[in-house]
Amino acid sequence: MPIYEYICNDCQTRYERIVMSAHQEIECPKCESKRHTLQLSVFSAGKSANGTASAGDTSGSGSCGCTPHSCGCR
């Protein structure tokens, strides 16, 4: 059961949904619009038990343009 991230085309609200089937209707939780755009999910991997960063950890590298106040990844 994948979790997908969406942005509403009408009110610009960002939201996530667990999608059980390809025929499931998705609607915005704020305005109930069925018009949305699927977003690329950005995830972060934590540190391993020995304290080193895992392969997917890009925190602090600035590789996607993220700052403490905004994120260029989305």
C-alpha atoms as a PDB file:
ATOM      1  CA  MET A   1       0.000   0.000   0.000  1.00  0.00           C
ATOM      2  CA  PRO A   2       1.969   2.991  -1.217  1.00  0.00           C
ATOM      3  CA  ILE A   3       1.548   6.458   0.263  1.00  0.00           C
ATOM      4  CA  TYR A   4       1.298   9.171  -2.369  1.00  0.00           C
ATOM      5  CA  GLU A   5       1.725  12.915  -1.906  1.00  0.00           C
ATOM      6  CA  TYR A   6      -0.555  15.301  -3.788  1.00  0.00           C
ATOM      7  CA  ILE A   7      -1.068  19.022  -4.209  1.00  0.00           C
ATOM      8  CA  CYS A   8      -4.583  20.273  -4.926  1.00  0.00           C
ATOM      9  CA  ASN A   9      -4.836  22.099  -8.263  1.00  0.00           C
ATOM     10  CA  ASP A  10      -7.597  24.350  -6.893  1.00  0.00           C
ATOM     11  CA  CYS A  11      -6.493  25.429  -3.386  1.00  0.00           C
ATOM     12  CA  GLN A  12      -2.784  24.355  -3.400  1.00  0.00           C
ATOM     13  CA  THR A  13      -3.174  22.225  -0.227  1.00  0.00           C
ATOM     14  CA  ARG A  14      -0.556  19.476   0.130  1.00  0.00           C
ATOM     15  CA  TYR A  15      -1.753  16.113   1.429  1.00  0.00           C
ATOM     16  CA  GLU A  16      -0.916  12.401   1.506  1.00  0.00           C
ATOM     17  CA  ARG A  17      -3.106   9.375   0.847  1.00  0.00           C
ATOM     18  CA  ILE A  18      -2.633   5.625   1.165  1.00  0.00           C
ATOM     19  CA  VAL A  19      -3.761   4.233  -2.170  1.00  0.00           C
ATOM     20  CA  MET A  20      -5.426   0.826  -1.966  1.00  0.00           C
ATOM     21  CA  SER A  21      -6.276   0.473  -5.680  1.00  0.00           C
ATOM     22  CA  ALA A  22      -5.717   2.230  -8.982  1.00  0.00           C
ATOM     23  CA  HIS A  23      -9.430   3.079  -9.129  1.00  0.00           C
ATOM     24  CA  GLN A  24      -9.574   4.857  -5.757  1.00  0.00           C
ATOM     25  CA  GLU A  25     -10.838   8.439  -6.019  1.00  0.00           C
ATOM     26  CA  ILE A  26      -8.612  10.978  -4.276  1.00  0.00           C
ATOM     27  CA  GLU A  27      -9.992  14.312  -3.101  1.00  0.00           C
ATOM     28  CA  CYS A  28      -8.532  17.309  -1.301  1.00  0.00           C
ATOM     29  CA  PRO A  29      -9.231  17.310   2.443  1.00  0.00           C
ATOM     30  CA  LYS A  30      -9.719  21.097   2.400  1.00  0.00           C
ATOM     31  CA  CYS A  31     -11.871  21.875  -0.661  1.00  0.00           C
ATOM     32  CA  GLU A  32     -12.877  18.325  -1.731  1.00  0.00           C
ATOM     33  CA  SER A  33     -11.635  18.906  -5.282  1.00  0.00           C
ATOM     34  CA  LYS A  34     -10.688  15.808  -7.239  1.00  0.00           C
ATOM     35  CA  ARG A  35      -8.158  17.799  -9.316  1.00  0.00           C
ATOM     36  CA  HIS A  36      -4.642  17.209  -8.021  1.00  0.00           C
ATOM     37  CA  THR A  37      -1.039  16.726  -9.074  1.00  0.00           C
ATOM     38  CA  LEU A  38       1.026  13.816  -7.834  1.00  0.00           C
ATOM     39  CA  GLN A  39       4.183  15.066  -6.102  1.00  0.00           C
ATOM     40  CA  LEU A  40       7.602  13.484  -5.993  1.00  0.00           C
ATOM     41  CA  SER A  41       8.078  12.143  -2.465  1.00  0.00           C
ATOM     42  CA  VAL A  42      11.159  13.267  -0.596  1.00  0.00           C
ATOM     43  CA  PHE A  43      12.298  11.067   2.248  1.00  0.00           C
ATOM     44  CA  SER A  44      15.131  11.069   4.697  1.00  0.00           C
ATOM     45  CA  ALA A  45      17.080   8.124   6.026  1.00  0.00           C
ATOM     46  CA  GLY A  46      18.282   8.286   9.590  1.00  0.00           C
ATOM     47  CA  LYS A  47      21.655   7.474  11.027  1.00  0.00           C
ATOM     48  CA  SER A  48      22.726   3.877  11.509  1.00  0.00           C
ATOM     49  CA  ALA A  49      23.362   2.296  14.898  1.00  0.00           C
ATOM     50  CA  ASN A  50      27.054   3.262  14.735  1.00  0.00           C
ATOM     51  CA  GLY A  51      26.176   6.948  14.165  1.00  0.00           C
ATOM     52  CA  THR A  52      27.161   7.231  10.524  1.00  0.00           C
ATOM     53  CA  ALA A  53      24.826   8.580   7.889  1.00  0.00           C
ATOM     54  CA  SER A  54      23.118   6.066   5.653  1.00  0.00           C
ATOM     55  CA  ALA A  55      23.392   6.226   1.857  1.00  0.00           C
ATOM     56  CA  GLY A  56      20.144   8.197   1.449  1.00  0.00           C
ATOM     57  CA  ASP A  57      21.000  10.827   4.081  1.00  0.00           C
ATOM     58  CA  THR A  58      21.576  14.207   2.460  1.00  0.00           C
ATOM     59  CA  SER A  59      20.965  16.331   5.551  1.00  0.00           C
ATOM     60  CA  GLY A  60      23.234  19.314   5.663  1.00  0.00           C
ATOM     61  CA  SER A  61      24.553  18.815   2.159  1.00  0.00           C
ATOM     62  CA  GLY A  62      22.245  21.349   0.538  1.00  0.00           C
ATOM     63  CA  SER A  63      22.000  19.123  -2.521  1.00  0.00           C
ATOM     64  CA  CYS A  64      18.335  19.895  -3.117  1.00  0.00           C
ATOM     65  CA  GLY A  65      18.254  23.551  -2.087  1.00  0.00           C
ATOM     66  CA  CYS A  66      16.670  23.100   1.340  1.00  0.00           C
ATOM     67  CA  THR A  67      17.148  25.697   4.062  1.00  0.00           C
ATOM     68  CA  PRO A  68      15.715  25.867   7.595  1.00  0.00           C
ATOM     69  CA  HIS A  69      12.905  28.081   6.229  1.00  0.00           C
ATOM     70  CA  SER A  70      12.058  26.529   2.861  1.00  0.00           C
ATOM     71  CA  CYS A  71      12.640  23.431   0.791  1.00  0.00           C
ATOM     72  CA  GLY A  72      13.598  23.482  -2.864  1.00  0.00           C
ATOM     73  CA  CYS A  73      12.882  19.762  -3.153  1.00  0.00           C
ATOM     74  CA  ARG A  74       9.119  20.188  -3.390  1.00  0.00           C
END
